[in-house]
Amino acid sequence: MNKTEQVKLTLIRGLPGSGKSTLARKLDAIHLEADQFFIQENGVHLFKPKKLKAAHKWCQNQCEYHLKQGNNVVVSNTFVKRWEVEPYLNLAKKYNANLIIKTCTEKYASIHDVSEKTIQKMSDSWEEVIL
């Protein structure tokens, strides 16, 4: 990245199975998501609900590290509630990053076997994020 260019922080929101990770992988940026915290050395995804808070903190820390290095970053998480976006809004301000928020609305199968009941609950509690 040219040092005169403003670093970009892209947040991709959406329900499980909406295409967040697929879109994130297409962007020219460091791709982060809380799910990466649960990937073991052998590549197996082992979700542990009790570690979800730690996973999100890890994701935020990784985001800050890469922004500090001057890298473009894309974070793909569900971001159902506005408070879940707040730490990233603060990082964008701290590192003078151009903040972009995209919402995925497709309906693919969830790669992590999230139940329809859970997805519906998330949909029912969805909050819009306006910059």
N, C-alpha and C. Protein backbone atom coordinates (compact mmCIF):
# COMPACT_ATOMS: atom_id res chain seq x y z
N MET A 1 0.84 -1.19 0.00
CA MET A 1 0.00 0.00 0.00
C MET A 1 0.88 1.25 0.00
N ASN A 2 0.53 2.20 -0.80
CA ASN A 2 1.23 3.47 -0.87
C ASN A 2 1.04 4.22 0.45
N LYS A 3 2.12 4.74 1.02
CA LYS A 3 2.04 5.40 2.33
C LYS A 3 1.13 6.62 2.33
N THR A 4 0.82 7.19 1.15
CA THR A 4 -0.08 8.34 1.12
C THR A 4 -1.55 7.91 1.12
N GLU A 5 -1.80 6.63 0.88
CA GLU A 5 -3.17 6.13 0.89
C GLU A 5 -3.65 5.91 2.32
N GLN A 6 -4.92 6.19 2.53
CA GLN A 6 -5.51 5.95 3.84
C GLN A 6 -5.80 4.46 4.00
N VAL A 7 -5.43 3.91 5.13
CA VAL A 7 -5.68 2.50 5.40
C VAL A 7 -7.20 2.29 5.49
N LYS A 8 -7.67 1.08 5.07
CA LYS A 8 -9.10 0.77 5.08
C LYS A 8 -9.40 -0.31 6.12
N LEU A 9 -10.50 -0.09 6.83
CA LEU A 9 -11.05 -1.11 7.72
C LEU A 9 -12.45 -1.40 7.22
N THR A 10 -12.65 -2.62 6.73
CA THR A 10 -13.95 -3.02 6.21
C THR A 10 -14.57 -4.01 7.19
N LEU A 11 -15.79 -3.74 7.62
CA LEU A 11 -16.54 -4.65 8.48
C LEU A 11 -17.63 -5.28 7.62
N ILE A 12 -17.71 -6.60 7.66
CA ILE A 12 -18.75 -7.31 6.91
C ILE A 12 -19.66 -7.98 7.93
N ARG A 13 -20.93 -7.55 7.91
CA ARG A 13 -21.93 -8.05 8.85
C ARG A 13 -22.90 -8.98 8.13
N GLY A 14 -23.54 -9.80 8.91
CA GLY A 14 -24.58 -10.66 8.34
C GLY A 14 -24.82 -11.87 9.20
N LEU A 15 -25.94 -12.49 8.97
CA LEU A 15 -26.29 -13.69 9.71
C LEU A 15 -25.41 -14.86 9.24
N PRO A 16 -25.33 -15.92 10.03
CA PRO A 16 -24.58 -17.10 9.58
C PRO A 16 -25.11 -17.59 8.23
N GLY A 17 -24.19 -17.90 7.32
CA GLY A 17 -24.59 -18.39 6.00
C GLY A 17 -24.95 -17.30 5.01
N SER A 18 -24.64 -16.03 5.32
CA SER A 18 -25.02 -14.93 4.42
C SER A 18 -23.94 -14.57 3.41
N GLY A 19 -22.76 -15.20 3.50
CA GLY A 19 -21.70 -14.94 2.54
C GLY A 19 -20.60 -14.01 3.01
N LYS A 20 -20.52 -13.78 4.32
CA LYS A 20 -19.53 -12.84 4.87
C LYS A 20 -18.09 -13.27 4.57
N SER A 21 -17.76 -14.49 4.89
CA SER A 21 -16.39 -14.97 4.69
C SER A 21 -16.03 -15.01 3.21
N THR A 22 -16.96 -15.42 2.39
CA THR A 22 -16.72 -15.49 0.95
C THR A 22 -16.40 -14.09 0.40
N LEU A 23 -17.17 -13.10 0.79
CA LEU A 23 -16.91 -11.73 0.35
C LEU A 23 -15.58 -11.23 0.90
N ALA A 24 -15.31 -11.49 2.16
CA ALA A 24 -14.08 -11.01 2.79
C ALA A 24 -12.84 -11.55 2.08
N ARG A 25 -12.88 -12.80 1.67
CA ARG A 25 -11.73 -13.41 1.00
C ARG A 25 -11.46 -12.78 -0.37
N LYS A 26 -12.45 -12.11 -0.94
CA LYS A 26 -12.29 -11.48 -2.26
C LYS A 26 -11.64 -10.10 -2.16
N LEU A 27 -11.58 -9.54 -0.97
CA LEU A 27 -11.05 -8.19 -0.80
C LEU A 27 -9.54 -8.23 -0.59
N ASP A 28 -8.88 -7.17 -1.03
CA ASP A 28 -7.42 -7.07 -0.89
C ASP A 28 -7.11 -6.50 0.49
N ALA A 29 -7.16 -7.37 1.49
CA ALA A 29 -6.97 -6.93 2.88
C ALA A 29 -6.67 -8.16 3.74
N ILE A 30 -6.14 -7.91 4.93
CA ILE A 30 -5.96 -8.97 5.92
C ILE A 30 -7.37 -9.37 6.38
N HIS A 31 -7.71 -10.65 6.25
CA HIS A 31 -9.04 -11.14 6.61
C HIS A 31 -9.03 -11.72 8.02
N LEU A 32 -9.87 -11.16 8.86
CA LEU A 32 -10.01 -11.63 10.24
C LEU A 32 -11.47 -11.94 10.56
N GLU A 33 -11.67 -12.91 11.42
CA GLU A 33 -12.99 -13.18 11.98
C GLU A 33 -12.81 -13.97 13.26
N ALA A 34 -13.74 -13.81 14.17
CA ALA A 34 -13.64 -14.48 15.47
C ALA A 34 -13.55 -16.00 15.31
N ASP A 35 -14.18 -16.56 14.28
CA ASP A 35 -14.12 -18.00 14.05
C ASP A 35 -12.70 -18.52 13.90
N GLN A 36 -11.78 -17.68 13.43
CA GLN A 36 -10.40 -18.12 13.24
C GLN A 36 -9.75 -18.51 14.57
N PHE A 37 -10.22 -17.95 15.65
CA PHE A 37 -9.71 -18.25 16.99
C PHE A 37 -9.91 -19.73 17.33
N PHE A 38 -10.95 -20.34 16.76
CA PHE A 38 -11.31 -21.72 17.09
C PHE A 38 -10.71 -22.76 16.15
N ILE A 39 -9.88 -22.33 15.20
CA ILE A 39 -9.27 -23.28 14.28
C ILE A 39 -8.00 -23.83 14.91
N GLN A 40 -7.96 -25.14 15.03
CA GLN A 40 -6.82 -25.81 15.65
C GLN A 40 -5.68 -25.97 14.64
N GLU A 41 -4.50 -26.35 15.12
CA GLU A 41 -3.34 -26.52 14.25
C GLU A 41 -3.59 -27.50 13.11
N ASN A 42 -4.44 -28.49 13.34
CA ASN A 42 -4.73 -29.47 12.29
C ASN A 42 -5.82 -28.99 11.32
N GLY A 43 -6.27 -27.72 11.49
CA GLY A 43 -7.25 -27.13 10.59
C GLY A 43 -8.69 -27.39 10.97
N VAL A 44 -8.92 -28.14 12.03
CA VAL A 44 -10.28 -28.45 12.47
C VAL A 44 -10.85 -27.27 13.26
N HIS A 45 -12.11 -26.93 12.97
CA HIS A 45 -12.81 -25.85 13.68
C HIS A 45 -13.49 -26.45 14.90
N LEU A 46 -13.09 -26.02 16.09
CA LEU A 46 -13.65 -26.55 17.33
C LEU A 46 -14.21 -25.39 18.15
N PHE A 47 -15.48 -25.10 17.93
CA PHE A 47 -16.14 -23.98 18.61
C PHE A 47 -16.40 -24.30 20.07
N LYS A 48 -16.02 -23.37 20.94
CA LYS A 48 -16.27 -23.50 22.37
C LYS A 48 -16.99 -22.23 22.82
N PRO A 49 -18.31 -22.32 23.07
CA PRO A 49 -19.09 -21.14 23.43
C PRO A 49 -18.51 -20.32 24.59
N LYS A 50 -17.90 -20.99 25.55
CA LYS A 50 -17.34 -20.27 26.71
C LYS A 50 -16.14 -19.40 26.32
N LYS A 51 -15.58 -19.63 25.15
CA LYS A 51 -14.41 -18.88 24.70
C LYS A 51 -14.78 -17.79 23.68
N LEU A 52 -16.07 -17.56 23.46
CA LEU A 52 -16.50 -16.61 22.44
C LEU A 52 -16.02 -15.18 22.73
N LYS A 53 -16.09 -14.76 23.99
CA LYS A 53 -15.62 -13.43 24.36
C LYS A 53 -14.12 -13.29 24.06
N ALA A 54 -13.36 -14.31 24.39
CA ALA A 54 -11.91 -14.30 24.11
C ALA A 54 -11.65 -14.27 22.60
N ALA A 55 -12.49 -14.97 21.85
CA ALA A 55 -12.33 -14.99 20.39
C ALA A 55 -12.53 -13.60 19.80
N HIS A 56 -13.52 -12.89 20.28
CA HIS A 56 -13.78 -11.53 19.78
C HIS A 56 -12.67 -10.57 20.21
N LYS A 57 -12.16 -10.75 21.41
CA LYS A 57 -11.05 -9.90 21.87
C LYS A 57 -9.80 -10.17 21.02
N TRP A 58 -9.54 -11.43 20.73
CA TRP A 58 -8.43 -11.79 19.87
C TRP A 58 -8.57 -11.12 18.50
N CYS A 59 -9.77 -11.17 17.94
CA CYS A 59 -10.04 -10.59 16.64
C CYS A 59 -9.78 -9.07 16.66
N GLN A 60 -10.24 -8.41 17.70
CA GLN A 60 -10.01 -6.97 17.85
C GLN A 60 -8.52 -6.66 17.97
N ASN A 61 -7.80 -7.45 18.75
CA ASN A 61 -6.36 -7.25 18.92
C ASN A 61 -5.61 -7.45 17.61
N GLN A 62 -5.99 -8.48 16.86
CA GLN A 62 -5.37 -8.72 15.56
C GLN A 62 -5.64 -7.56 14.60
N CYS A 63 -6.86 -7.07 14.63
CA CYS A 63 -7.24 -5.93 13.79
C CYS A 63 -6.37 -4.73 14.12
N GLU A 64 -6.22 -4.44 15.40
CA GLU A 64 -5.40 -3.29 15.80
C GLU A 64 -3.95 -3.48 15.36
N TYR A 65 -3.43 -4.67 15.55
CA TYR A 65 -2.04 -4.95 15.16
C TYR A 65 -1.84 -4.63 13.67
N HIS A 66 -2.73 -5.12 12.83
CA HIS A 66 -2.57 -4.93 11.39
C HIS A 66 -2.83 -3.49 10.95
N LEU A 67 -3.78 -2.82 11.57
CA LEU A 67 -3.99 -1.40 11.26
C LEU A 67 -2.75 -0.59 11.63
N LYS A 68 -2.17 -0.91 12.77
CA LYS A 68 -0.97 -0.22 13.24
C LYS A 68 0.18 -0.39 12.25
N GLN A 69 0.22 -1.55 11.56
CA GLN A 69 1.25 -1.83 10.56
C GLN A 69 0.95 -1.13 9.23
N GLY A 70 -0.23 -0.50 9.13
CA GLY A 70 -0.61 0.18 7.89
C GLY A 70 -1.27 -0.73 6.86
N ASN A 71 -1.77 -1.89 7.33
CA ASN A 71 -2.43 -2.84 6.43
C ASN A 71 -3.93 -2.59 6.37
N ASN A 72 -4.52 -2.82 5.19
CA ASN A 72 -5.97 -2.83 5.08
C ASN A 72 -6.47 -4.09 5.77
N VAL A 73 -7.59 -3.98 6.48
CA VAL A 73 -8.14 -5.10 7.23
C VAL A 73 -9.61 -5.25 6.91
N VAL A 74 -10.07 -6.49 6.78
CA VAL A 74 -11.49 -6.79 6.65
C VAL A 74 -11.84 -7.75 7.78
N VAL A 75 -12.89 -7.41 8.53
CA VAL A 75 -13.35 -8.25 9.63
C VAL A 75 -14.76 -8.73 9.28
N SER A 76 -14.93 -10.05 9.21
CA SER A 76 -16.25 -10.60 8.91
C SER A 76 -16.76 -11.36 10.13
N ASN A 77 -17.70 -10.73 10.81
CA ASN A 77 -18.38 -11.31 11.96
C ASN A 77 -19.86 -11.01 11.80
N THR A 78 -20.69 -11.61 12.61
CA THR A 78 -22.12 -11.34 12.47
C THR A 78 -22.46 -9.89 12.80
N PHE A 79 -21.84 -9.30 13.82
CA PHE A 79 -22.11 -7.90 14.20
C PHE A 79 -23.61 -7.62 14.27
N VAL A 80 -24.35 -8.46 14.99
CA VAL A 80 -25.81 -8.30 15.09
C VAL A 80 -26.17 -7.02 15.85
N LYS A 81 -25.47 -6.74 16.92
CA LYS A 81 -25.75 -5.59 17.78
C LYS A 81 -24.75 -4.47 17.53
N ARG A 82 -25.19 -3.23 17.67
CA ARG A 82 -24.31 -2.09 17.45
C ARG A 82 -23.09 -2.14 18.38
N TRP A 83 -23.27 -2.55 19.63
CA TRP A 83 -22.14 -2.57 20.57
C TRP A 83 -21.03 -3.50 20.09
N GLU A 84 -21.36 -4.48 19.26
CA GLU A 84 -20.34 -5.39 18.74
C GLU A 84 -19.44 -4.69 17.71
N VAL A 85 -19.94 -3.65 17.10
CA VAL A 85 -19.20 -2.88 16.10
C VAL A 85 -18.32 -1.81 16.76
N GLU A 86 -18.73 -1.34 17.93
CA GLU A 86 -18.07 -0.21 18.61
C GLU A 86 -16.55 -0.32 18.71
N PRO A 87 -15.98 -1.46 19.15
CA PRO A 87 -14.52 -1.52 19.24
C PRO A 87 -13.82 -1.23 17.91
N TYR A 88 -14.44 -1.64 16.82
CA TYR A 88 -13.86 -1.42 15.50
C TYR A 88 -14.03 0.03 15.05
N LEU A 89 -15.13 0.65 15.45
CA LEU A 89 -15.30 2.09 15.17
C LEU A 89 -14.19 2.86 15.86
N ASN A 90 -13.91 2.47 17.10
CA ASN A 90 -12.84 3.13 17.86
C ASN A 90 -11.47 2.90 17.22
N LEU A 91 -11.22 1.69 16.72
CA LEU A 91 -9.94 1.42 16.05
C LEU A 91 -9.81 2.23 14.77
N ALA A 92 -10.90 2.36 14.03
CA ALA A 92 -10.87 3.16 12.80
C ALA A 92 -10.50 4.60 13.12
N LYS A 93 -11.08 5.13 14.18
CA LYS A 93 -10.75 6.51 14.59
C LYS A 93 -9.29 6.60 15.03
N LYS A 94 -8.86 5.66 15.86
CA LYS A 94 -7.50 5.68 16.41
C LYS A 94 -6.44 5.65 15.31
N TYR A 95 -6.68 4.87 14.25
CA TYR A 95 -5.70 4.72 13.18
C TYR A 95 -6.07 5.47 11.91
N ASN A 96 -7.04 6.38 12.03
CA ASN A 96 -7.48 7.20 10.91
C ASN A 96 -7.77 6.34 9.67
N ALA A 97 -8.46 5.23 9.89
CA ALA A 97 -8.78 4.30 8.81
C ALA A 97 -10.10 4.70 8.15
N ASN A 98 -10.15 4.50 6.86
CA ASN A 98 -11.39 4.69 6.12
C ASN A 98 -12.28 3.49 6.46
N LEU A 99 -13.39 3.73 7.16
CA LEU A 99 -14.27 2.65 7.63
C LEU A 99 -15.38 2.40 6.62
N ILE A 100 -15.50 1.14 6.23
CA ILE A 100 -16.54 0.70 5.31
C ILE A 100 -17.31 -0.42 5.99
N ILE A 101 -18.63 -0.34 5.98
CA ILE A 101 -19.44 -1.42 6.55
C ILE A 101 -20.33 -1.99 5.44
N LYS A 102 -20.23 -3.30 5.24
CA LYS A 102 -21.03 -4.00 4.25
C LYS A 102 -21.91 -5.02 4.98
N THR A 103 -23.11 -5.23 4.48
CA THR A 103 -24.00 -6.22 5.06
C THR A 103 -24.33 -7.27 4.02
N CYS A 104 -24.11 -8.52 4.37
CA CYS A 104 -24.45 -9.64 3.49
C CYS A 104 -25.84 -10.16 3.86
N THR A 105 -26.63 -10.44 2.85
CA THR A 105 -28.00 -10.89 3.09
C THR A 105 -28.37 -12.17 2.35
N GLU A 106 -27.38 -12.81 1.74
CA GLU A 106 -27.67 -14.06 1.03
C GLU A 106 -28.07 -15.14 2.03
N LYS A 107 -28.58 -16.24 1.53
CA LYS A 107 -29.00 -17.34 2.40
C LYS A 107 -28.40 -18.65 1.91
N TYR A 108 -27.14 -18.86 2.31
CA TYR A 108 -26.46 -20.12 2.02
C TYR A 108 -26.54 -20.97 3.28
N ALA A 109 -26.11 -22.21 3.18
CA ALA A 109 -26.06 -23.06 4.37
C ALA A 109 -24.93 -22.55 5.27
N SER A 110 -25.16 -22.54 6.56
CA SER A 110 -24.13 -22.14 7.52
C SER A 110 -23.05 -23.20 7.56
N ILE A 111 -21.79 -22.79 7.38
CA ILE A 111 -20.71 -23.77 7.39
C ILE A 111 -20.41 -24.27 8.80
N HIS A 112 -20.97 -23.62 9.81
CA HIS A 112 -20.71 -24.04 11.20
C HIS A 112 -21.95 -24.67 11.84
N ASP A 113 -22.88 -25.10 11.02
CA ASP A 113 -24.08 -25.79 11.50
C ASP A 113 -24.84 -25.01 12.56
N VAL A 114 -24.99 -23.71 12.36
CA VAL A 114 -25.79 -22.89 13.27
C VAL A 114 -27.25 -23.22 13.00
N SER A 115 -28.01 -23.48 14.04
CA SER A 115 -29.40 -23.90 13.87
C SER A 115 -30.27 -22.76 13.32
N GLU A 116 -31.33 -23.14 12.63
CA GLU A 116 -32.28 -22.15 12.11
C GLU A 116 -32.89 -21.32 13.24
N LYS A 117 -33.13 -21.96 14.38
CA LYS A 117 -33.69 -21.26 15.53
C LYS A 117 -32.74 -20.15 16.00
N THR A 118 -31.45 -20.46 16.06
CA THR A 118 -30.44 -19.47 16.48
C THR A 118 -30.35 -18.34 15.46
N ILE A 119 -30.36 -18.69 14.18
CA ILE A 119 -30.30 -17.67 13.13
C ILE A 119 -31.52 -16.77 13.20
N GLN A 120 -32.69 -17.34 13.43
CA GLN A 120 -33.91 -16.53 13.53
C GLN A 120 -33.85 -15.59 14.73
N LYS A 121 -33.32 -16.08 15.83
CA LYS A 121 -33.17 -15.25 17.03
C LYS A 121 -32.23 -14.07 16.74
N MET A 122 -31.15 -14.34 16.03
CA MET A 122 -30.22 -13.28 15.66
C MET A 122 -30.90 -12.27 14.73
N SER A 123 -31.66 -12.78 13.79
CA SER A 123 -32.38 -11.91 12.85
C SER A 123 -33.37 -11.01 13.58
N ASP A 124 -34.07 -11.57 14.54
CA ASP A 124 -35.05 -10.82 15.31
C ASP A 124 -34.42 -9.71 16.16
N SER A 125 -33.15 -9.87 16.52
CA SER A 125 -32.50 -8.87 17.38
C SER A 125 -31.52 -7.98 16.60
N TRP A 126 -31.55 -8.04 15.27
CA TRP A 126 -30.65 -7.27 14.41
C TRP A 126 -30.81 -5.78 14.62
N GLU A 127 -29.69 -5.08 14.77
CA GLU A 127 -29.69 -3.62 14.91
C GLU A 127 -28.92 -3.02 13.73
N GLU A 128 -29.48 -1.97 13.16
CA GLU A 128 -28.80 -1.26 12.07
C GLU A 128 -27.64 -0.46 12.65
N VAL A 129 -26.60 -0.34 11.86
CA VAL A 129 -25.44 0.47 12.27
C VAL A 129 -25.33 1.61 11.25
N ILE A 130 -25.49 2.81 11.74
CA ILE A 130 -25.39 4.00 10.88
C ILE A 130 -24.19 4.80 11.32
N LEU A 131 -23.32 5.10 10.38
CA LEU A 131 -22.11 5.86 10.69
C LEU A 131 -22.41 7.34 10.72
